[in-house]
Amino acid sequence: MKSLKTNTLAQLFIICTRYLIGSAYAFACVVKIEGKRFTTMIPQGEDWNTPAHLFEVMYQSNLYWNFLGWSQFFAAMLLMTQRYARLGALIFLPISANIFMITVSYGFTGTPYITGLMLLANVILIVWDWGYFKVLFNISSTNIERKRIWINDRTWEILGLILFIFTISFRWVLNSFDILTWGATCLLIGLTGLFIGIKRKSIYQSTLQTI
């Protein structure tokens, strides 16, 4: 794991994974916070074991629906800040697992593949920082302190904050659900941040210190 954490591509993969999971949930949380329906599916018939009925029941719960939205909001914010990404990943793990099980249990077509990949990505983030999480299982922490390493560059913190604010503003202020425009703008912002991050990479050492 030490050698992996000094690998540039591995660090970049973790950074991007945090952004992708965080931005996806940030995009989806607004409708719940606003108390609006998440889907246009309309419940039909007496069979309540359908995705449409499930979403309608959660929507009608009001407070629980808002709670889901705010949980995703704060977890996304923590994950995208990079600095507090470990806490964000830990909070997202039960959320991702719950969403995956819902899509599997209710027979969503194709959706379990997407939610399954998101859950897998979440697990990878946990494994990446497993040294910090060992203490939760009463195991001595063997966390690796990365001294002046690229993944800790403040560029990623600033970029994450920009992406989070843009996503929330796009959905909340502009009230837009145009995924293509949102995704293209996020990609442009991300590439700009990546260019800056690469320019700053040379100032970082690739050494690790175990504490």
Protein backbone atom coordinates (compact mmCIF):
# COMPACT_ATOMS: atom_id res chain seq x y z
CA MET A 1 0.00 0.00 0.00
CA LYS A 2 2.92 2.35 0.69
CA SER A 3 4.22 2.07 -2.85
CA LEU A 4 0.68 2.39 -4.24
CA LYS A 5 0.09 5.60 -2.34
CA THR A 6 3.15 7.18 -3.93
CA ASN A 7 1.93 6.27 -7.42
CA THR A 8 0.71 9.32 -9.33
CA LEU A 9 -2.04 7.49 -11.23
CA ALA A 10 -3.32 5.82 -8.06
CA GLN A 11 -3.51 9.18 -6.28
CA LEU A 12 -5.29 10.74 -9.25
CA PHE A 13 -7.75 7.83 -9.35
CA ILE A 14 -8.67 8.35 -5.68
CA ILE A 15 -9.02 12.12 -6.14
CA CYS A 16 -11.33 11.68 -9.15
CA THR A 17 -13.33 8.94 -7.45
CA ARG A 18 -14.03 11.24 -4.52
CA TYR A 19 -15.19 13.94 -6.92
CA LEU A 20 -17.38 11.58 -8.95
CA ILE A 21 -19.19 10.02 -6.00
CA GLY A 22 -19.55 13.33 -4.19
CA SER A 23 -20.82 15.26 -7.20
CA ALA A 24 -23.32 12.53 -8.13
CA TYR A 25 -24.88 12.59 -4.68
CA ALA A 26 -24.71 16.38 -4.47
CA PHE A 27 -26.64 16.54 -7.74
CA ALA A 28 -29.27 14.10 -6.47
CA CYS A 29 -29.72 15.46 -2.92
CA VAL A 30 -31.34 18.80 -3.79
CA VAL A 31 -34.77 17.46 -4.75
CA LYS A 32 -34.98 15.62 -1.44
CA ILE A 33 -33.98 18.70 0.55
CA GLU A 34 -36.58 20.74 -1.33
CA GLY A 35 -39.20 18.08 -0.64
CA LYS A 36 -39.78 17.28 -4.31
CA ARG A 37 -40.24 13.96 -6.05
CA PHE A 38 -37.06 12.27 -7.25
CA THR A 39 -38.72 10.52 -10.18
CA THR A 40 -41.60 10.99 -12.60
CA MET A 41 -42.70 7.36 -12.16
CA ILE A 42 -46.36 7.20 -11.10
CA PRO A 43 -47.53 4.39 -8.77
CA GLN A 44 -50.17 2.25 -10.44
CA GLY A 45 -52.28 -0.67 -9.27
CA GLU A 46 -52.48 -2.34 -5.89
CA ASP A 47 -49.04 -3.95 -6.00
CA TRP A 48 -46.87 -1.89 -3.66
CA ASN A 49 -43.73 -3.89 -4.43
CA THR A 50 -42.66 -1.56 -7.24
CA PRO A 51 -39.98 1.17 -7.54
CA ALA A 52 -42.66 3.82 -8.17
CA HIS A 53 -44.47 2.96 -4.93
CA LEU A 54 -41.17 2.88 -3.01
CA PHE A 55 -40.16 6.39 -4.11
CA GLU A 56 -43.68 7.69 -3.48
CA VAL A 57 -43.73 6.32 0.08
CA MET A 58 -40.33 7.86 0.84
CA TYR A 59 -41.41 11.15 -0.71
CA GLN A 60 -44.62 11.21 1.32
CA SER A 61 -42.63 10.65 4.54
CA ASN A 62 -41.53 14.32 4.34
CA LEU A 63 -39.03 14.46 7.23
CA TYR A 64 -37.32 11.19 6.25
CA TRP A 65 -37.09 12.39 2.63
CA ASN A 66 -35.43 15.63 3.80
CA PHE A 67 -33.13 13.65 6.08
CA LEU A 68 -31.91 11.55 3.15
CA GLY A 69 -31.21 14.70 1.17
CA TRP A 70 -29.26 16.44 3.93
CA SER A 71 -27.28 13.25 4.67
CA GLN A 72 -26.19 13.08 1.05
CA PHE A 73 -25.48 16.82 1.04
CA PHE A 74 -23.07 16.79 3.98
CA ALA A 75 -21.41 13.50 2.99
CA ALA A 76 -20.84 14.82 -0.54
CA MET A 77 -19.39 18.05 0.80
CA LEU A 78 -16.98 16.19 3.10
CA LEU A 79 -15.91 13.80 0.35
CA MET A 80 -15.26 16.52 -2.21
CA THR A 81 -13.22 18.69 0.15
CA GLN A 82 -10.50 15.99 0.01
CA ARG A 83 -9.29 17.12 3.44
CA TYR A 84 -12.28 15.46 5.14
CA ALA A 85 -12.78 12.81 2.46
CA ARG A 86 -12.18 9.92 4.86
CA LEU A 87 -15.17 10.92 6.96
CA GLY A 88 -17.24 11.48 3.84
CA ALA A 89 -16.37 8.02 2.48
CA LEU A 90 -17.27 6.43 5.80
CA ILE A 91 -20.67 8.16 5.89
CA PHE A 92 -21.36 7.27 2.28
CA LEU A 93 -20.69 3.54 2.75
CA PRO A 94 -24.08 2.69 4.36
CA ILE A 95 -25.83 5.13 2.01
CA SER A 96 -24.29 3.48 -1.07
CA ALA A 97 -24.99 -0.02 0.25
CA ASN A 98 -28.61 0.90 1.00
CA ILE A 99 -29.19 2.36 -2.48
CA PHE A 100 -27.59 -0.69 -4.11
CA MET A 101 -29.78 -3.09 -2.16
CA ILE A 102 -32.90 -1.09 -3.06
CA THR A 103 -32.13 -1.28 -6.79
CA VAL A 104 -31.45 -5.02 -6.54
CA SER A 105 -34.47 -5.81 -4.35
CA TYR A 106 -36.92 -3.91 -6.55
CA GLY A 107 -35.55 -5.22 -9.82
CA PHE A 108 -34.42 -1.95 -11.39
CA THR A 109 -33.38 -2.55 -14.99
CA GLY A 110 -29.68 -1.81 -15.41
CA THR A 111 -29.53 0.48 -12.37
CA PRO A 112 -27.93 -2.13 -10.05
CA TYR A 113 -24.84 -2.08 -12.28
CA ILE A 114 -24.48 1.66 -11.73
CA THR A 115 -25.21 1.58 -7.99
CA GLY A 116 -22.98 -1.48 -7.66
CA LEU A 117 -20.06 0.34 -9.25
CA MET A 118 -20.65 3.31 -6.95
CA LEU A 119 -20.64 0.98 -3.94
CA LEU A 120 -17.44 -0.66 -5.20
CA ALA A 121 -15.83 2.77 -5.64
CA ASN A 122 -16.88 3.64 -2.08
CA VAL A 123 -15.28 0.43 -0.78
CA ILE A 124 -12.06 1.28 -2.66
CA LEU A 125 -11.95 4.64 -0.87
CA ILE A 126 -12.32 2.85 2.46
CA VAL A 127 -9.54 0.40 1.57
CA TRP A 128 -7.30 3.29 0.50
CA ASP A 129 -7.51 4.77 3.99
CA TRP A 130 -7.89 1.47 5.84
CA GLY A 131 -4.95 2.33 8.07
CA TYR A 132 -7.04 5.13 9.59
CA PHE A 133 -10.20 3.04 9.96
CA LYS A 134 -8.60 0.11 11.81
CA VAL A 135 -9.13 1.84 15.12
CA LEU A 136 -12.91 1.51 14.63
CA PHE A 137 -12.44 -2.26 14.97
CA ASN A 138 -10.21 -1.95 18.03
CA ILE A 139 -7.12 -2.61 15.93
CA SER A 140 -4.02 -0.50 16.38
CA SER A 141 -3.87 2.18 13.72
CA THR A 142 -1.12 1.79 11.14
CA ASN A 143 -2.09 4.87 9.19
CA ILE A 144 0.44 6.23 6.78
CA GLU A 145 1.08 9.95 7.04
CA ARG A 146 1.78 11.28 3.58
CA LYS A 147 4.29 14.11 3.92
CA ARG A 148 4.18 16.63 1.08
CA ILE A 149 2.55 14.21 -1.31
CA TRP A 150 0.54 15.21 -4.38
CA ILE A 151 -2.86 13.99 -3.19
CA ASN A 152 -2.64 16.43 -0.27
CA ASP A 153 -2.08 19.47 -2.48
CA ARG A 154 -4.51 22.29 -1.68
CA THR A 155 -5.40 22.46 -5.38
CA TRP A 156 -7.66 19.44 -4.89
CA GLU A 157 -9.37 21.00 -1.88
CA ILE A 158 -10.11 24.21 -3.78
CA LEU A 159 -11.20 22.30 -6.88
CA GLY A 160 -13.52 20.10 -4.81
CA LEU A 161 -15.10 23.13 -3.17
CA ILE A 162 -15.65 24.76 -6.57
CA LEU A 163 -17.24 21.61 -8.00
CA PHE A 164 -19.48 21.20 -4.96
CA ILE A 165 -20.66 24.82 -4.97
CA PHE A 166 -21.26 24.72 -8.72
CA THR A 167 -23.26 21.48 -8.49
CA ILE A 168 -25.45 22.69 -5.64
CA SER A 169 -25.95 26.08 -7.32
CA PHE A 170 -26.78 24.44 -10.66
CA ARG A 171 -29.48 22.32 -9.06
CA TRP A 172 -30.68 24.62 -6.29
CA VAL A 173 -30.31 28.17 -7.61
CA LEU A 174 -30.64 27.60 -11.35
CA ASN A 175 -33.10 24.75 -10.70
CA SER A 176 -31.75 22.91 -13.72
CA PHE A 177 -31.74 19.14 -14.30
CA ASP A 178 -29.69 19.35 -17.51
CA ILE A 179 -27.20 16.57 -16.79
CA LEU A 180 -25.23 17.10 -20.00
CA THR A 181 -24.60 20.80 -19.34
CA TRP A 182 -23.75 20.09 -15.72
CA GLY A 183 -21.42 17.21 -16.61
CA ALA A 184 -19.66 19.16 -19.38
CA THR A 185 -19.08 22.15 -17.08
CA CYS A 186 -17.78 19.92 -14.29
CA LEU A 187 -15.42 18.25 -16.78
CA LEU A 188 -14.10 21.64 -17.91
CA ILE A 189 -13.58 22.75 -14.30
CA GLY A 190 -11.93 19.42 -13.49
CA LEU A 191 -9.53 19.58 -16.42
CA THR A 192 -8.54 23.12 -15.45
CA GLY A 193 -7.85 21.96 -11.91
CA LEU A 194 -5.91 18.94 -13.19
CA PHE A 195 -3.70 21.18 -15.32
CA ILE A 196 -2.92 23.34 -12.27
CA GLY A 197 -2.35 20.25 -10.12
CA ILE A 198 0.10 18.78 -12.64
CA LYS A 199 1.99 22.08 -12.80
CA ARG A 200 2.34 21.98 -9.00
CA LYS A 201 3.26 18.29 -8.79
CA SER A 202 7.00 18.86 -8.99
CA ILE A 203 7.05 20.61 -5.60
CA TYR A 204 5.94 17.44 -3.81
CA GLN A 205 8.04 14.60 -2.54
CA SER A 206 6.96 11.01 -3.01
CA THR A 207 8.15 9.82 0.37
CA LEU A 208 5.99 8.35 3.11
CA GLN A 209 6.46 8.40 6.84
CA THR A 210 4.81 5.79 8.99
CA ILE A 211 3.61 7.05 12.33
